[in-house]
PDB file of N, CA and C in Angstrom:
ATOM      1  N   UNK A   1      54.665   9.275 210.178  1.00  0.00           N
ATOM      2  CA  UNK A   1      55.583   8.253 210.596  1.00  0.00           C
ATOM      3  C   UNK A   1      56.486   7.946 209.405  1.00  0.00           C
ATOM      4  N   UNK A   2      57.777   7.915 209.648  1.00  0.00           N
ATOM      5  CA  UNK A   2      58.714   7.617 208.565  1.00  0.00           C
ATOM      6  C   UNK A   2      59.211   6.191 208.707  1.00  0.00           C
ATOM      7  N   UNK A   3      59.693   5.620 207.625  1.00  0.00           N
ATOM      8  CA  UNK A   3      60.238   4.275 207.657  1.00  0.00           C
ATOM      9  C   UNK A   3      61.594   4.238 208.344  1.00  0.00           C
ATOM     10  N   UNK A   4      61.978   3.065 208.797  1.00  0.00           N
ATOM     11  CA  UNK A   4      63.284   2.881 209.415  1.00  0.00           C
ATOM     12  C   UNK A   4      64.299   2.509 208.354  1.00  0.00           C
ATOM     13  N   UNK A   5      65.513   3.005 208.510  1.00  0.00           N
ATOM     14  CA  UNK A   5      66.595   2.636 207.616  1.00  0.00           C
ATOM     15  C   UNK A   5      67.335   1.418 208.146  1.00  0.00           C
ATOM     16  N   UNK A   6      68.200   0.874 207.316  1.00  0.00           N
ATOM     17  CA  UNK A   6      69.003  -0.274 207.742  1.00  0.00           C
ATOM     18  C   UNK A   6      69.785   0.076 208.997  1.00  0.00           C
ATOM     19  N   UNK A   7      69.739  -0.794 209.976  1.00  0.00           N
ATOM     20  CA  UNK A   7      70.493  -0.616 211.206  1.00  0.00           C
ATOM     21  C   UNK A   7      69.837   0.276 212.240  1.00  0.00           C
ATOM     22  N   UNK A   8      68.732   0.948 211.892  1.00  0.00           N
ATOM     23  CA  UNK A   8      68.041   1.785 212.881  1.00  0.00           C
ATOM     24  C   UNK A   8      67.260   0.896 213.842  1.00  0.00           C
ATOM     25  N   UNK A   9      67.099   1.385 215.052  1.00  0.00           N
ATOM     26  CA  UNK A   9      66.389   0.632 216.086  1.00  0.00           C
ATOM     27  C   UNK A   9      65.236   1.450 216.640  1.00  0.00           C
ATOM     28  N   UNK A  10      64.304   0.721 217.213  1.00  0.00           N
ATOM     29  CA  UNK A  10      63.172   1.362 217.867  1.00  0.00           C
ATOM     30  C   UNK A  10      62.935   0.653 219.199  1.00  0.00           C
ATOM     31  N   UNK A  11      62.686   1.422 220.238  1.00  0.00           N
ATOM     32  CA  UNK A  11      62.392   0.858 221.563  1.00  0.00           C
ATOM     33  C   UNK A  11      60.919   0.456 221.597  1.00  0.00           C
ATOM     34  N   UNK A  12      60.647  -0.776 221.982  1.00  0.00           N
ATOM     35  CA  UNK A  12      59.283  -1.310 221.985  1.00  0.00           C
ATOM     36  C   UNK A  12      58.957  -1.828 223.378  1.00  0.00           C
ATOM     37  N   UNK A  13      57.743  -1.544 223.836  1.00  0.00           N
ATOM     38  CA  UNK A  13      57.277  -2.030 225.137  1.00  0.00           C
ATOM     39  C   UNK A  13      55.927  -2.725 224.972  1.00  0.00           C
ATOM     40  N   UNK A  14      55.798  -3.866 225.605  1.00  0.00           N
ATOM     41  CA  UNK A  14      54.529  -4.596 225.596  1.00  0.00           C
ATOM     42  C   UNK A  14      53.544  -3.859 226.487  1.00  0.00           C
ATOM     43  N   UNK A  15      52.293  -3.820 226.071  1.00  0.00           N
ATOM     44  CA  UNK A  15      51.224  -3.192 226.853  1.00  0.00           C
ATOM     45  C   UNK A  15      50.054  -4.149 226.968  1.00  0.00           C
ATOM     46  N   UNK A  16      49.206  -3.867 227.924  1.00  0.00           N
ATOM     47  CA  UNK A  16      47.975  -4.663 228.056  1.00  0.00           C
ATOM     48  C   UNK A  16      46.989  -4.302 226.952  1.00  0.00           C
ATOM     49  N   UNK A  17      46.958  -3.017 226.580  1.00  0.00           N
ATOM     50  CA  UNK A  17      46.029  -2.525 225.555  1.00  0.00           C
ATOM     51  C   UNK A  17      46.761  -1.562 224.630  1.00  0.00           C
ATOM     52  N   UNK A  18      46.281  -1.525 223.412  1.00  0.00           N
ATOM     53  CA  UNK A  18      46.805  -0.573 222.425  1.00  0.00           C
ATOM     54  C   UNK A  18      45.635   0.283 221.970  1.00  0.00           C
ATOM     55  N   UNK A  19      45.933   1.514 221.629  1.00  0.00           N
ATOM     56  CA  UNK A  19      44.893   2.467 221.255  1.00  0.00           C
ATOM     57  C   UNK A  19      45.118   2.939 219.830  1.00  0.00           C
ATOM     58  N   UNK A  20      44.026   3.323 219.134  1.00  0.00           N
ATOM     59  CA  UNK A  20      44.190   3.801 217.771  1.00  0.00           C
ATOM     60  C   UNK A  20      45.262   4.898 217.704  1.00  0.00           C
ATOM     61  N   UNK A  21      46.150   4.730 216.741  1.00  0.00           N
ATOM     62  CA  UNK A  21      47.224   5.692 216.552  1.00  0.00           C
ATOM     63  C   UNK A  21      48.559   5.227 217.104  1.00  0.00           C
ATOM     64  N   UNK A  22      48.554   4.272 218.048  1.00  0.00           N
ATOM     65  CA  UNK A  22      49.819   3.753 218.561  1.00  0.00           C
ATOM     66  C   UNK A  22      50.614   3.142 217.405  1.00  0.00           C
ATOM     67  N   UNK A  23      51.926   3.239 217.488  1.00  0.00           N
ATOM     68  CA  UNK A  23      52.806   2.614 216.507  1.00  0.00           C
ATOM     69  C   UNK A  23      53.214   1.272 217.109  1.00  0.00           C
ATOM     70  N   UNK A  24      52.800   0.172 216.464  1.00  0.00           N
ATOM     71  CA  UNK A  24      53.029  -1.151 217.035  1.00  0.00           C
ATOM     72  C   UNK A  24      53.902  -2.004 216.116  1.00  0.00           C
ATOM     73  N   UNK A  25      54.571  -2.966 216.740  1.00  0.00           N
ATOM     74  CA  UNK A  25      55.353  -3.959 216.009  1.00  0.00           C
ATOM     75  C   UNK A  25      54.547  -5.247 215.995  1.00  0.00           C
ATOM     76  N   UNK A  26      54.334  -5.797 214.798  1.00  0.00           N
ATOM     77  CA  UNK A  26      53.559  -7.030 214.638  1.00  0.00           C
ATOM     78  C   UNK A  26      54.456  -8.100 214.028  1.00  0.00           C
ATOM     79  N   UNK A  27      54.443  -9.277 214.631  1.00  0.00           N
ATOM     80  CA  UNK A  27      55.200 -10.411 214.103  1.00  0.00           C
ATOM     81  C   UNK A  27      54.396 -11.034 212.979  1.00  0.00           C
ATOM     82  N   UNK A  28      54.944 -11.019 211.784  1.00  0.00           N
ATOM     83  CA  UNK A  28      54.308 -11.646 210.617  1.00  0.00           C
ATOM     84  C   UNK A  28      54.987 -12.994 210.365  1.00  0.00           C
ATOM     85  N   UNK A  29      54.541 -13.720 209.356  1.00  0.00           N
ATOM     86  CA  UNK A  29      55.092 -15.045 209.070  1.00  0.00           C
ATOM     87  C   UNK A  29      56.600 -15.009 208.849  1.00  0.00           C
ATOM     88  N   UNK A  30      57.090 -14.031 208.091  1.00  0.00           N
ATOM     89  CA  UNK A  30      58.515 -14.019 207.756  1.00  0.00           C
ATOM     90  C   UNK A  30      59.212 -12.690 208.052  1.00  0.00           C
ATOM     91  N   UNK A  31      58.542 -11.791 208.757  1.00  0.00           N
ATOM     92  CA  UNK A  31      59.142 -10.492 209.078  1.00  0.00           C
ATOM     93  C   UNK A  31      58.350  -9.808 210.195  1.00  0.00           C
ATOM     94  N   UNK A  32      58.841  -8.675 210.615  1.00  0.00           N
ATOM     95  CA  UNK A  32      58.120  -7.826 211.563  1.00  0.00           C
ATOM     96  C   UNK A  32      57.684  -6.579 210.811  1.00  0.00           C
ATOM     97  N   UNK A  33      56.513  -6.058 211.138  1.00  0.00           N
ATOM     98  CA  UNK A  33      56.082  -4.784 210.549  1.00  0.00           C
ATOM     99  C   UNK A  33      55.850  -3.786 211.679  1.00  0.00           C
ATOM    100  N   UNK A  34      56.171  -2.538 211.397  1.00  0.00           N
ATOM    101  CA  UNK A  34      55.941  -1.453 212.351  1.00  0.00           C
ATOM    102  C   UNK A  34      54.946  -0.511 211.686  1.00  0.00           C
ATOM    103  N   UNK A  35      53.701  -0.610 212.120  1.00  0.00           N
ATOM    104  CA  UNK A  35      52.627   0.169 211.502  1.00  0.00           C
ATOM    105  C   UNK A  35      51.727   0.769 212.568  1.00  0.00           C
ATOM    106  N   UNK A  36      50.843   1.629 212.121  1.00  0.00           N
ATOM    107  CA  UNK A  36      49.896   2.302 213.001  1.00  0.00           C
ATOM    108  C   UNK A  36      48.803   1.316 213.411  1.00  0.00           C
ATOM    109  N   UNK A  37      48.493   1.268 214.708  1.00  0.00           N
ATOM    110  CA  UNK A  37      47.415   0.420 215.217  1.00  0.00           C
ATOM    111  C   UNK A  37      46.093   1.147 214.992  1.00  0.00           C
ATOM    112  N   UNK A  38      45.118   0.429 214.395  1.00  0.00           N
ATOM    113  CA  UNK A  38      43.802   1.026 214.137  1.00  0.00           C
ATOM    114  C   UNK A  38      42.800   0.638 215.214  1.00  0.00           C
ATOM    115  N   UNK A  39      42.806  -0.610 215.624  1.00  0.00           N
ATOM    116  CA  UNK A  39      41.851  -1.074 216.621  1.00  0.00           C
ATOM    117  C   UNK A  39      41.735  -2.578 216.597  1.00  0.00           C
ATOM    118  N   UNK A  40      40.763  -3.091 217.354  1.00  0.00           N
ATOM    119  CA  UNK A  40      40.531  -4.523 217.479  1.00  0.00           C
ATOM    120  C   UNK A  40      39.288  -4.914 216.679  1.00  0.00           C
ATOM    121  N   UNK A  41      39.269  -6.153 216.204  1.00  0.00           N
ATOM    122  CA  UNK A  41      38.087  -6.689 215.519  1.00  0.00           C
ATOM    123  C   UNK A  41      37.836  -8.093 216.053  1.00  0.00           C
ATOM    124  N   UNK A  42      36.587  -8.404 216.321  1.00  0.00           N
ATOM    125  CA  UNK A  42      36.220  -9.717 216.844  1.00  0.00           C
ATOM    126  C   UNK A  42      35.834 -10.643 215.698  1.00  0.00           C
ATOM    127  N   UNK A  43      36.320 -11.867 215.761  1.00  0.00           N
ATOM    128  CA  UNK A  43      35.863 -12.919 214.853  1.00  0.00           C
ATOM    129  C   UNK A  43      35.439 -14.085 215.734  1.00  0.00           C
ATOM    130  N   UNK A  44      34.847 -15.074 215.149  1.00  0.00           N
ATOM    131  CA  UNK A  44      34.448 -16.248 215.915  1.00  0.00           C
ATOM    132  C   UNK A  44      35.632 -16.980 216.523  1.00  0.00           C
ATOM    133  N   UNK A  45      36.832 -16.708 216.028  1.00  0.00           N
ATOM    134  CA  UNK A  45      38.029 -17.380 216.532  1.00  0.00           C
ATOM    135  C   UNK A  45      38.840 -16.512 217.487  1.00  0.00           C
ATOM    136  N   UNK A  46      38.366 -15.346 217.803  1.00  0.00           N
ATOM    137  CA  UNK A  46      39.079 -14.487 218.744  1.00  0.00           C
ATOM    138  C   UNK A  46      39.293 -13.079 218.218  1.00  0.00           C
ATOM    139  N   UNK A  47      40.047 -12.310 219.000  1.00  0.00           N
ATOM    140  CA  UNK A  47      40.300 -10.916 218.669  1.00  0.00           C
ATOM    141  C   UNK A  47      41.448 -10.783 217.678  1.00  0.00           C
ATOM    142  N   UNK A  48      41.285  -9.842 216.761  1.00  0.00           N
ATOM    143  CA  UNK A  48      42.323  -9.530 215.787  1.00  0.00           C
ATOM    144  C   UNK A  48      42.774  -8.092 215.964  1.00  0.00           C
ATOM    145  N   UNK A  49      44.006  -7.822 215.583  1.00  0.00           N
ATOM    146  CA  UNK A  49      44.544  -6.463 215.586  1.00  0.00           C
ATOM    147  C   UNK A  49      44.548  -5.954 214.157  1.00  0.00           C
ATOM    148  N   UNK A  50      44.032  -4.752 213.962  1.00  0.00           N
ATOM    149  CA  UNK A  50      44.026  -4.124 212.646  1.00  0.00           C
ATOM    150  C   UNK A  50      45.094  -3.035 212.627  1.00  0.00           C
ATOM    151  N   UNK A  51      45.974  -3.085 211.624  1.00  0.00           N
ATOM    152  CA  UNK A  51      47.052  -2.108 211.487  1.00  0.00           C
ATOM    153  C   UNK A  51      47.096  -1.602 210.057  1.00  0.00           C
ATOM    154  N   UNK A  52      47.795  -0.495 209.873  1.00  0.00           N
ATOM    155  CA  UNK A  52      47.935   0.071 208.532  1.00  0.00           C
ATOM    156  C   UNK A  52      49.124   1.012 208.511  1.00  0.00           C
ATOM    157  N   UNK A  53      49.907   0.928 207.449  1.00  0.00           N
ATOM    158  CA  UNK A  53      51.000   1.876 207.260  1.00  0.00           C
ATOM    159  C   UNK A  53      50.412   3.248 206.950  1.00  0.00           C
ATOM    160  N   UNK A  54      51.075   4.285 207.412  1.00  0.00           N
ATOM    161  CA  UNK A  54      50.549   5.641 207.203  1.00  0.00           C
ATOM    162  C   UNK A  54      50.372   5.988 205.731  1.00  0.00           C
ATOM    163  N   UNK A  55      51.268   5.511 204.890  1.00  0.00           N
ATOM    164  CA  UNK A  55      51.212   5.875 203.464  1.00  0.00           C
ATOM    165  C   UNK A  55      50.526   4.840 202.593  1.00  0.00           C
ATOM    166  N   UNK A  56      49.913   3.847 203.201  1.00  0.00           N
ATOM    167  CA  UNK A  56      49.238   2.792 202.451  1.00  0.00           C
ATOM    168  C   UNK A  56      47.734   3.063 202.451  1.00  0.00           C
ATOM    169  N   UNK A  57      47.075   2.962 201.299  1.00  0.00           N
ATOM    170  CA  UNK A  57      45.634   3.240 201.255  1.00  0.00           C
ATOM    171  C   UNK A  57      44.773   2.129 201.860  1.00  0.00           C
ATOM    172  N   UNK A  58      45.322   0.931 202.020  1.00  0.00           N
ATOM    173  CA  UNK A  58      44.553  -0.198 202.537  1.00  0.00           C
ATOM    174  C   UNK A  58      45.170  -0.724 203.819  1.00  0.00           C
ATOM    175  N   UNK A  59      44.343  -1.268 204.714  1.00  0.00           N
ATOM    176  CA  UNK A  59      44.888  -1.859 205.948  1.00  0.00           C
ATOM    177  C   UNK A  59      45.681  -3.125 205.653  1.00  0.00           C
ATOM    178  N   UNK A  60      46.546  -3.477 206.591  1.00  0.00           N
ATOM    179  CA  UNK A  60      47.299  -4.726 206.504  1.00  0.00           C
ATOM    180  C   UNK A  60      46.343  -5.889 206.725  1.00  0.00           C
ATOM    181  N   UNK A  61      46.769  -7.111 206.358  1.00  0.00           N
ATOM    182  CA  UNK A  61      45.963  -8.269 206.749  1.00  0.00           C
ATOM    183  C   UNK A  61      45.843  -8.301 208.281  1.00  0.00           C
ATOM    184  N   UNK A  62      44.671  -8.602 208.777  1.00  0.00           N
ATOM    185  CA  UNK A  62      44.463  -8.651 210.231  1.00  0.00           C
ATOM    186  C   UNK A  62      45.361  -9.727 210.832  1.00  0.00           C
ATOM    187  N   UNK A  63      45.821  -9.473 212.058  1.00  0.00           N
ATOM    188  CA  UNK A  63      46.672 -10.450 212.736  1.00  0.00           C
ATOM    189  C   UNK A  63      46.106 -10.723 214.121  1.00  0.00           C
ATOM    190  N   UNK A  64      46.440 -11.847 214.667  1.00  0.00           N
ATOM    191  CA  UNK A  64      46.016 -12.175 216.028  1.00  0.00           C
ATOM    192  C   UNK A  64      46.632 -11.171 216.987  1.00  0.00           C
ATOM    193  N   UNK A  65      45.913 -10.845 218.036  1.00  0.00           N
ATOM    194  CA  UNK A  65      46.396  -9.874 219.012  1.00  0.00           C
ATOM    195  C   UNK A  65      47.721 -10.335 219.619  1.00  0.00           C
ATOM    196  N   UNK A  66      47.885 -11.628 219.813  1.00  0.00           N
ATOM    197  CA  UNK A  66      49.137 -12.107 220.414  1.00  0.00           C
ATOM    198  C   UNK A  66      50.339 -11.912 219.494  1.00  0.00           C
ATOM    199  N   UNK A  67      50.121 -11.604 218.221  1.00  0.00           N
ATOM    200  CA  UNK A  67      51.226 -11.328 217.298  1.00  0.00           C
ATOM    201  C   UNK A  67      51.773  -9.914 217.480  1.00  0.00           C
ATOM    202  N   UNK A  68      51.044  -9.073 218.212  1.00  0.00           N
ATOM    203  CA  UNK A  68      51.530  -7.714 218.482  1.00  0.00           C
ATOM    204  C   UNK A  68      52.623  -7.827 219.539  1.00  0.00           C
ATOM    205  N   UNK A  69      53.840  -7.439 219.162  1.00  0.00           N
ATOM    206  CA  UNK A  69      54.991  -7.548 220.051  1.00  0.00           C
ATOM    207  C   UNK A  69      54.959  -6.443 221.098  1.00  0.00           C
ATOM    208  N   UNK A  70      54.598  -5.236 220.674  1.00  0.00           N
ATOM    209  CA  UNK A  70      54.545  -4.111 221.595  1.00  0.00           C
ATOM    210  C   UNK A  70      54.384  -2.812 220.836  1.00  0.00           C
ATOM    211  N   UNK A  71      54.354  -1.722 221.588  1.00  0.00           N
ATOM    212  CA  UNK A  71      54.205  -0.388 220.993  1.00  0.00           C
ATOM    213  C   UNK A  71      55.546   0.333 221.050  1.00  0.00           C
ATOM    214  N   UNK A  72      55.850   1.061 220.005  1.00  0.00           N
ATOM    215  CA  UNK A  72      57.080   1.840 219.953  1.00  0.00           C
ATOM    216  C   UNK A  72      56.985   3.013 220.926  1.00  0.00           C
ATOM    217  N   UNK A  73      58.113   3.339 221.531  1.00  0.00           N
ATOM    218  CA  UNK A  73      58.170   4.539 222.373  1.00  0.00           C
ATOM    219  C   UNK A  73      58.196   5.743 221.440  1.00  0.00           C
ATOM    220  N   UNK A  74      57.030   6.216 221.106  1.00  0.00           N
ATOM    221  CA  UNK A  74      56.907   7.339 220.180  1.00  0.00           C
ATOM    222  C   UNK A  74      55.762   8.221 220.645  1.00  0.00           C
ATOM    223  N   UNK A  75      55.918   9.507 220.461  1.00  0.00           N
ATOM    224  CA  UNK A  75      54.844  10.437 220.787  1.00  0.00           C
ATOM    225  C   UNK A  75      53.809  10.382 219.674  1.00  0.00           C
ATOM    226  N   UNK A  76      52.566  10.159 220.057  1.00  0.00           N
ATOM    227  CA  UNK A  76      51.472  10.111 219.090  1.00  0.00           C
ATOM    228  C   UNK A  76      50.582  11.316 219.353  1.00  0.00           C
ATOM    229  N   UNK A  77      50.443  12.163 218.339  1.00  0.00           N
ATOM    230  CA  UNK A  77      49.621  13.365 218.482  1.00  0.00           C
ATOM    231  C   UNK A  77      48.150  13.021 218.266  1.00  0.00           C
ATOM    232  N   UNK A  78      47.267  13.871 218.787  1.00  0.00           N
ATOM    233  CA  UNK A  78      45.820  13.646 218.662  1.00  0.00           C
ATOM    234  C   UNK A  78      45.354  13.547 217.214  1.00  0.00           C
ATOM    235  N   UNK A  79      45.836  14.393 216.297  1.00  0.00           N
ATOM    236  CA  UNK A  79      45.381  14.229 214.907  1.00  0.00           C
ATOM    237  C   UNK A  79      45.719  12.844 214.340  1.00  0.00           C
ATOM    238  N   UNK A  80      46.852  12.272 214.745  1.00  0.00           N
ATOM    239  CA  UNK A  80      47.209  10.931 214.282  1.00  0.00           C
ATOM    240  C   UNK A  80      46.261   9.883 214.865  1.00  0.00           C
ATOM    241  N   UNK A  81      45.843  10.082 216.105  1.00  0.00           N
ATOM    242  CA  UNK A  81      44.892   9.152 216.722  1.00  0.00           C
ATOM    243  C   UNK A  81      43.518   9.241 216.045  1.00  0.00           C
ATOM    244  N   UNK A  82      43.081  10.457 215.758  1.00  0.00           N
ATOM    245  CA  UNK A  82      41.783  10.648 215.093  1.00  0.00           C
ATOM    246  C   UNK A  82      41.813  10.039 213.695  1.00  0.00           C
ATOM    247  N   UNK A  83      42.905  10.239 212.974  1.00  0.00           N
ATOM    248  CA  UNK A  83      43.046   9.674 211.630  1.00  0.00           C
ATOM    249  C   UNK A  83      43.036   8.147 211.691  1.00  0.00           C
ATOM    250  N   UNK A  84      43.729   7.560 212.670  1.00  0.00           N
ATOM    251  CA  UNK A  84      43.734   6.100 212.831  1.00  0.00           C
ATOM    252  C   UNK A  84      42.341   5.589 213.166  1.00  0.00           C
ATOM    253  N   UNK A  85      41.614   6.323 213.987  1.00  0.00           N
ATOM    254  CA  UNK A  85      40.251   5.922 214.340  1.00  0.00           C
ATOM    255  C   UNK A  85      39.337   5.951 213.108  1.00  0.00           C
ATOM    256  N   UNK A  86      39.487   6.956 212.258  1.00  0.00           N
ATOM    257  CA  UNK A  86      38.701   7.020 211.020  1.00  0.00           C
ATOM    258  C   UNK A  86      39.040   5.843 210.104  1.00  0.00           C
ATOM    259  N   UNK A  87      40.311   5.498 210.022  1.00  0.00           N
ATOM    260  CA  UNK A  87      40.722   4.343 209.218  1.00  0.00           C
ATOM    261  C   UNK A  87      40.170   3.047 209.814  1.00  0.00           C
ATOM    262  N   UNK A  88      40.100   2.981 211.135  1.00  0.00           N
ATOM    263  CA  UNK A  88      39.543   1.811 211.812  1.00  0.00           C
ATOM    264  C   UNK A  88      38.070   1.623 211.434  1.00  0.00           C
ATOM    265  N   UNK A  89      37.309   2.700 211.495  1.00  0.00           N
ATOM    266  CA  UNK A  89      35.880   2.629 211.136  1.00  0.00           C
ATOM    267  C   UNK A  89      35.728   2.147 209.698  1.00  0.00           C
ATOM    268  N   UNK A  90      36.547   2.673 208.786  1.00  0.00           N
ATOM    269  CA  UNK A  90      36.485   2.247 207.382  1.00  0.00           C
ATOM    270  C   UNK A  90      36.864   0.775 207.237  1.00  0.00           C
ATOM    271  N   UNK A  91      37.896   0.323 207.956  1.00  0.00           N
ATOM    272  CA  UNK A  91      38.329  -1.074 207.864  1.00  0.00           C
ATOM    273  C   UNK A  91      37.274  -2.028 208.402  1.00  0.00           C
ATOM    274  N   UNK A  92      36.657  -1.669 209.520  1.00  0.00           N
ATOM    275  CA  UNK A  92      35.616  -2.526 210.101  1.00  0.00           C
ATOM    276  C   UNK A  92      34.401  -2.572 209.178  1.00  0.00           C
ATOM    277  N   UNK A  93      34.031  -1.447 208.605  1.00  0.00           N
ATOM    278  CA  UNK A  93      32.906  -1.417 207.675  1.00  0.00           C
ATOM    279  C   UNK A  93      33.208  -2.274 206.446  1.00  0.00           C
ATOM    280  N   UNK A  94      34.426  -2.180 205.954  1.00  0.00           N
ATOM    281  CA  UNK A  94      34.836  -2.973 204.805  1.00  0.00           C
ATOM    282  C   UNK A  94      34.742  -4.472 205.121  1.00  0.00           C
ATOM    283  N   UNK A  95      35.202  -4.850 206.316  1.00  0.00           N
ATOM    284  CA  UNK A  95      35.143  -6.258 206.733  1.00  0.00           C
ATOM    285  C   UNK A  95      33.698  -6.716 206.898  1.00  0.00           C
ATOM    286  N   UNK A  96      32.839  -5.848 207.443  1.00  0.00           N
ATOM    287  CA  UNK A  96      31.441  -6.212 207.698  1.00  0.00           C
ATOM    288  C   UNK A  96      30.654  -6.391 206.401  1.00  0.00           C
ATOM    289  N   UNK A  97      30.962  -5.570 205.412  1.00  0.00           N
ATOM    290  CA  UNK A  97      30.163  -5.586 204.175  1.00  0.00           C
ATOM    291  C   UNK A  97      30.851  -6.312 203.038  1.00  0.00           C
ATOM    292  N   UNK A  98      31.995  -6.941 203.297  1.00  0.00           N
ATOM    293  CA  UNK A  98      32.706  -7.682 202.260  1.00  0.00           C
ATOM    294  C   UNK A  98      31.815  -8.817 201.756  1.00  0.00           C
ATOM    295  N   UNK A  99      31.677  -8.893 200.477  1.00  0.00           N
ATOM    296  CA  UNK A  99      30.884  -9.990 199.916  1.00  0.00           C
ATOM    297  C   UNK A  99      29.394  -9.712 199.844  1.00  0.00           C
ATOM    298  N   UNK A 100      28.943  -8.606 200.423  1.00  0.00           N
ATOM    299  CA  UNK A 100      27.514  -8.278 200.353  1.00  0.00           C
ATOM    300  C   UNK A 100      27.281  -7.281 199.230  1.00  0.00           C
ATOM    301  N   UNK A 101      26.257  -7.507 198.461  1.00  0.00           N
ATOM    302  CA  UNK A 101      25.933  -6.562 197.372  1.00  0.00           C
ATOM    303  C   UNK A 101      24.483  -6.175 197.431  1.00  0.00           C
TER     304      UNK A 101
END
């Protein structure tokens, strides 16, 4: 996935569900991010969406599912979905074991 340049646009559609590897737009406090969707994570306060830029070694801060604006109209190949799923497993494990030694 490449970054967008100034003035470039992307077509986005809201979905009921997003799957690992989808390219999603997330509303952040002061901007929008377009990153790869990894999966969902449950907390006591509700469901969170986990995302990560393709070239970033760490996942983004988790966001509420309602902050996901939609998925980009983009073809996602199976290797990209498998890679996103592997990153999801690592992110969930990191969240589960954070603070434990």
